[in-house]
Amino acid sequence: MIKELLSKNEILEAFPIMKQLRPHLNENSYVELVMATKESDGYRMFALFDKNTMTAVIGFKPMITLSSGRYVWICDLVTDQTIRSKGYGERLLTFVEEWAKENKFGSISLSSGLERTGAHRFYEEKMDYTKASYVYKKYL
């Protein structure tokens, strides 16, 4: 079952899984950031449950830019590290792809850390994503 996480309690329930992807966050900063981006950017968070156990989480937001037009940006995708490679990430990413099509978005984009070579294989070989650019970052 895939369920949208709407309340603070539901979002907090996803923290142990999300922390595996975002270890720099604590519970308070995580909830604060999720709620702020939900309000300001239309961020949506969904979780996949297997037999009432949360197994994977995805967060995305619809966007419009001159370079890409109407697209969906995947902000976060993580499967609990103890049960990876069972198709949970694929199911969530496919769910967002279907959501994007239904809502008339033309593409999906995401970034993935350079060190995450397993994730890169997943996106490219299993999910048919292509490398389109580099993402640059400058800390201020």
C-alpha atoms as a PDB file:
ATOM      1  CA  MET A   1       0.000   0.000   0.000  1.00  0.00           C
ATOM      2  CA  ILE A   2       1.223   3.512  -0.824  1.00  0.00           C
ATOM      3  CA  LYS A   3      -0.023   6.297   1.411  1.00  0.00           C
ATOM      4  CA  GLU A   4       0.568  10.043   1.428  1.00  0.00           C
ATOM      5  CA  LEU A   5       2.037  11.278   4.692  1.00  0.00           C
ATOM      6  CA  LEU A   6       0.132  14.401   5.673  1.00  0.00           C
ATOM      7  CA  SER A   7       0.195  14.924   9.431  1.00  0.00           C
ATOM      8  CA  LYS A   8       3.238  15.722  11.541  1.00  0.00           C
ATOM      9  CA  ASN A   9       2.878  12.338  13.246  1.00  0.00           C
ATOM     10  CA  GLU A  10       2.849  10.481   9.899  1.00  0.00           C
ATOM     11  CA  ILE A  11       5.870  12.456   8.704  1.00  0.00           C
ATOM     12  CA  LEU A  12       7.677  11.740  11.975  1.00  0.00           C
ATOM     13  CA  GLU A  13       6.942   8.018  11.550  1.00  0.00           C
ATOM     14  CA  ALA A  14       9.039   8.136   8.342  1.00  0.00           C
ATOM     15  CA  PHE A  15      12.031   9.724  10.064  1.00  0.00           C
ATOM     16  CA  PRO A  16      13.952   6.499  10.846  1.00  0.00           C
ATOM     17  CA  ILE A  17      13.936   5.602   7.144  1.00  0.00           C
ATOM     18  CA  MET A  18      14.549   9.144   5.879  1.00  0.00           C
ATOM     19  CA  LYS A  19      17.467   9.550   8.296  1.00  0.00           C
ATOM     20  CA  GLN A  20      19.249   6.784   6.366  1.00  0.00           C
ATOM     21  CA  LEU A  21      19.315   9.149   3.370  1.00  0.00           C
ATOM     22  CA  ARG A  22      19.556  12.414   5.305  1.00  0.00           C
ATOM     23  CA  PRO A  23      21.759  11.623   8.345  1.00  0.00           C
ATOM     24  CA  HIS A  24      22.465  15.320   8.999  1.00  0.00           C
ATOM     25  CA  LEU A  25      18.858  15.864  10.153  1.00  0.00           C
ATOM     26  CA  ASN A  26      17.435  15.359  13.608  1.00  0.00           C
ATOM     27  CA  GLU A  27      13.715  14.791  14.239  1.00  0.00           C
ATOM     28  CA  ASN A  28      12.947  18.463  14.855  1.00  0.00           C
ATOM     29  CA  SER A  29      14.794  19.846  11.827  1.00  0.00           C
ATOM     30  CA  TYR A  30      13.358  17.081   9.631  1.00  0.00           C
ATOM     31  CA  VAL A  31       9.730  17.772  10.583  1.00  0.00           C
ATOM     32  CA  GLU A  32      10.279  21.534  10.346  1.00  0.00           C
ATOM     33  CA  LEU A  33      11.792  21.259   6.846  1.00  0.00           C
ATOM     34  CA  VAL A  34       9.135  18.860   5.563  1.00  0.00           C
ATOM     35  CA  MET A  35       6.283  21.046   6.814  1.00  0.00           C
ATOM     36  CA  ALA A  36       7.886  24.232   5.443  1.00  0.00           C
ATOM     37  CA  THR A  37       8.498  22.787   1.978  1.00  0.00           C
ATOM     38  CA  LYS A  38       5.010  21.253   1.895  1.00  0.00           C
ATOM     39  CA  GLU A  39       3.606  24.723   2.518  1.00  0.00           C
ATOM     40  CA  SER A  40       5.926  26.740   0.287  1.00  0.00           C
ATOM     41  CA  ASP A  41       6.806  24.351  -2.569  1.00  0.00           C
ATOM     42  CA  GLY A  42       4.008  21.793  -2.776  1.00  0.00           C
ATOM     43  CA  TYR A  43       6.288  19.007  -1.523  1.00  0.00           C
ATOM     44  CA  ARG A  44       4.499  15.669  -1.237  1.00  0.00           C
ATOM     45  CA  MET A  45       5.667  12.680   0.757  1.00  0.00           C
ATOM     46  CA  PHE A  46       4.469   9.117   0.277  1.00  0.00           C
ATOM     47  CA  ALA A  47       5.384   5.898   2.040  1.00  0.00           C
ATOM     48  CA  LEU A  48       5.167   2.313   0.899  1.00  0.00           C
ATOM     49  CA  PHE A  49       3.880  -0.165   3.463  1.00  0.00           C
ATOM     50  CA  ASP A  50       4.308  -3.922   3.354  1.00  0.00           C
ATOM     51  CA  LYS A  51       2.058  -5.688   5.867  1.00  0.00           C
ATOM     52  CA  ASN A  52       1.606  -2.443   7.845  1.00  0.00           C
ATOM     53  CA  THR A  53       5.368  -1.853   8.036  1.00  0.00           C
ATOM     54  CA  MET A  54       6.774   1.258   6.391  1.00  0.00           C
ATOM     55  CA  THR A  55       9.462   0.087   3.973  1.00  0.00           C
ATOM     56  CA  ALA A  56      10.290   3.074   1.748  1.00  0.00           C
ATOM     57  CA  VAL A  57       9.636   6.800   1.447  1.00  0.00           C
ATOM     58  CA  ILE A  58       9.572   9.205  -1.483  1.00  0.00           C
ATOM     59  CA  GLY A  59       9.289  12.985  -1.467  1.00  0.00           C
ATOM     60  CA  PHE A  60       8.738  15.069  -4.584  1.00  0.00           C
ATOM     61  CA  LYS A  61       7.479  18.394  -5.791  1.00  0.00           C
ATOM     62  CA  PRO A  62       5.917  19.564  -9.022  1.00  0.00           C
ATOM     63  CA  MET A  63       7.982  22.244 -10.717  1.00  0.00           C
ATOM     64  CA  ILE A  64       8.004  24.496 -13.746  1.00  0.00           C
ATOM     65  CA  THR A  65      11.198  25.941 -15.192  1.00  0.00           C
ATOM     66  CA  LEU A  66      12.204  27.408 -18.536  1.00  0.00           C
ATOM     67  CA  SER A  67      14.740  24.624 -19.091  1.00  0.00           C
ATOM     68  CA  SER A  68      12.437  21.687 -18.338  1.00  0.00           C
ATOM     69  CA  GLY A  69       8.887  22.984 -18.559  1.00  0.00           C
ATOM     70  CA  ARG A  70       6.451  21.115 -16.286  1.00  0.00           C
ATOM     71  CA  TYR A  71       8.274  18.355 -14.431  1.00  0.00           C
ATOM     72  CA  VAL A  72       8.438  16.547 -11.122  1.00  0.00           C
ATOM     73  CA  TRP A  73      11.571  16.812  -8.993  1.00  0.00           C
ATOM     74  CA  ILE A  74      12.272  13.792  -6.793  1.00  0.00           C
ATOM     75  CA  CYS A  75      13.748  15.260  -3.630  1.00  0.00           C
ATOM     76  CA  ASP A  76      14.055  12.080  -1.593  1.00  0.00           C
ATOM     77  CA  LEU A  77      13.791   8.359  -2.281  1.00  0.00           C
ATOM     78  CA  VAL A  78      14.945   5.834   0.294  1.00  0.00           C
ATOM     79  CA  THR A  79      14.196   2.236   1.167  1.00  0.00           C
ATOM     80  CA  ASP A  80      14.994   0.949   4.632  1.00  0.00           C
ATOM     81  CA  GLN A  81      18.570  -0.310   4.386  1.00  0.00           C
ATOM     82  CA  THR A  82      17.660  -3.639   5.996  1.00  0.00           C
ATOM     83  CA  ILE A  83      15.282  -4.572   3.152  1.00  0.00           C
ATOM     84  CA  ARG A  84      16.698  -3.041  -0.026  1.00  0.00           C
ATOM     85  CA  SER A  85      16.601  -4.695  -3.461  1.00  0.00           C
ATOM     86  CA  LYS A  86      13.070  -6.026  -3.014  1.00  0.00           C
ATOM     87  CA  GLY A  87      11.383  -3.642  -5.461  1.00  0.00           C
ATOM     88  CA  TYR A  88      10.115  -1.070  -2.960  1.00  0.00           C
ATOM     89  CA  GLY A  89      11.996   1.866  -4.507  1.00  0.00           C
ATOM     90  CA  GLU A  90      10.852   0.794  -7.965  1.00  0.00           C
ATOM     91  CA  ARG A  91       7.230   0.729  -6.818  1.00  0.00           C
ATOM     92  CA  LEU A  92       7.452   4.232  -5.329  1.00  0.00           C
ATOM     93  CA  LEU A  93       9.254   5.696  -8.334  1.00  0.00           C
ATOM     94  CA  THR A  94       6.701   4.085 -10.680  1.00  0.00           C
ATOM     95  CA  PHE A  95       3.925   5.554  -8.509  1.00  0.00           C
ATOM     96  CA  VAL A  96       5.375   9.057  -8.951  1.00  0.00           C
ATOM     97  CA  GLU A  97       5.804   8.496 -12.694  1.00  0.00           C
ATOM     98  CA  GLU A  98       2.108   7.593 -12.939  1.00  0.00           C
ATOM     99  CA  TRP A  99       1.163  10.595 -10.776  1.00  0.00           C
ATOM    100  CA  ALA A 100       3.209  12.860 -13.062  1.00  0.00           C
ATOM    101  CA  LYS A 101       1.531  11.519 -16.206  1.00  0.00           C
ATOM    102  CA  GLU A 102      -1.950  11.870 -14.693  1.00  0.00           C
ATOM    103  CA  ASN A 103      -1.167  15.468 -13.735  1.00  0.00           C
ATOM    104  CA  LYS A 104       0.295  16.359 -17.151  1.00  0.00           C
ATOM    105  CA  PHE A 105       3.959  16.691 -16.217  1.00  0.00           C
ATOM    106  CA  GLY A 106       6.378  15.947 -19.031  1.00  0.00           C
ATOM    107  CA  SER A 107       9.344  14.500 -17.149  1.00  0.00           C
ATOM    108  CA  ILE A 108      10.877  13.573 -13.832  1.00  0.00           C
ATOM    109  CA  SER A 109      14.287  14.693 -12.571  1.00  0.00           C
ATOM    110  CA  LEU A 110      16.396  13.902  -9.546  1.00  0.00           C
ATOM    111  CA  SER A 111      19.938  14.188  -8.324  1.00  0.00           C
ATOM    112  CA  SER A 112      21.966  11.467  -6.693  1.00  0.00           C
ATOM    113  CA  GLY A 113      25.174  11.802  -4.702  1.00  0.00           C
ATOM    114  CA  LEU A 114      28.356  10.910  -6.584  1.00  0.00           C
ATOM    115  CA  GLU A 115      29.184   8.127  -4.135  1.00  0.00           C
ATOM    116  CA  ARG A 116      25.808   6.380  -4.537  1.00  0.00           C
ATOM    117  CA  THR A 117      26.823   4.121  -7.420  1.00  0.00           C
ATOM    118  CA  GLY A 118      24.230   1.479  -6.525  1.00  0.00           C
ATOM    119  CA  ALA A 119      21.494   4.076  -6.797  1.00  0.00           C
ATOM    120  CA  HIS A 120      22.906   5.221 -10.145  1.00  0.00           C
ATOM    121  CA  ARG A 121      22.690   1.660 -11.498  1.00  0.00           C
ATOM    122  CA  PHE A 122      19.102   1.450 -10.228  1.00  0.00           C
ATOM    123  CA  TYR A 123      18.056   4.686 -11.931  1.00  0.00           C
ATOM    124  CA  GLU A 124      19.846   3.982 -15.201  1.00  0.00           C
ATOM    125  CA  GLU A 125      19.519   0.236 -15.658  1.00  0.00           C
ATOM    126  CA  LYS A 126      16.267  -0.609 -13.890  1.00  0.00           C
ATOM    127  CA  MET A 127      14.253   2.603 -14.166  1.00  0.00           C
ATOM    128  CA  ASP A 128      15.551   3.856 -17.552  1.00  0.00           C
ATOM    129  CA  TYR A 129      16.695   7.301 -16.387  1.00  0.00           C
ATOM    130  CA  THR A 130      19.517   9.061 -18.208  1.00  0.00           C
ATOM    131  CA  LYS A 131      22.210  11.389 -16.890  1.00  0.00           C
ATOM    132  CA  ALA A 132      21.169  14.811 -18.083  1.00  0.00           C
ATOM    133  CA  SER A 133      23.456  17.167 -16.186  1.00  0.00           C
ATOM    134  CA  TYR A 134      25.686  17.751 -13.215  1.00  0.00           C
ATOM    135  CA  VAL A 135      24.349  19.483 -10.125  1.00  0.00           C
ATOM    136  CA  TYR A 136      26.677  22.030  -8.546  1.00  0.00           C
ATOM    137  CA  LYS A 137      26.486  23.315  -5.011  1.00  0.00           C
ATOM    138  CA  LYS A 138      28.123  26.178  -3.126  1.00  0.00           C
ATOM    139  CA  TYR A 139      27.790  26.518   0.612  1.00  0.00           C
ATOM    140  CA  LEU A 140      27.287  30.048   1.903  1.00  0.00           C
END
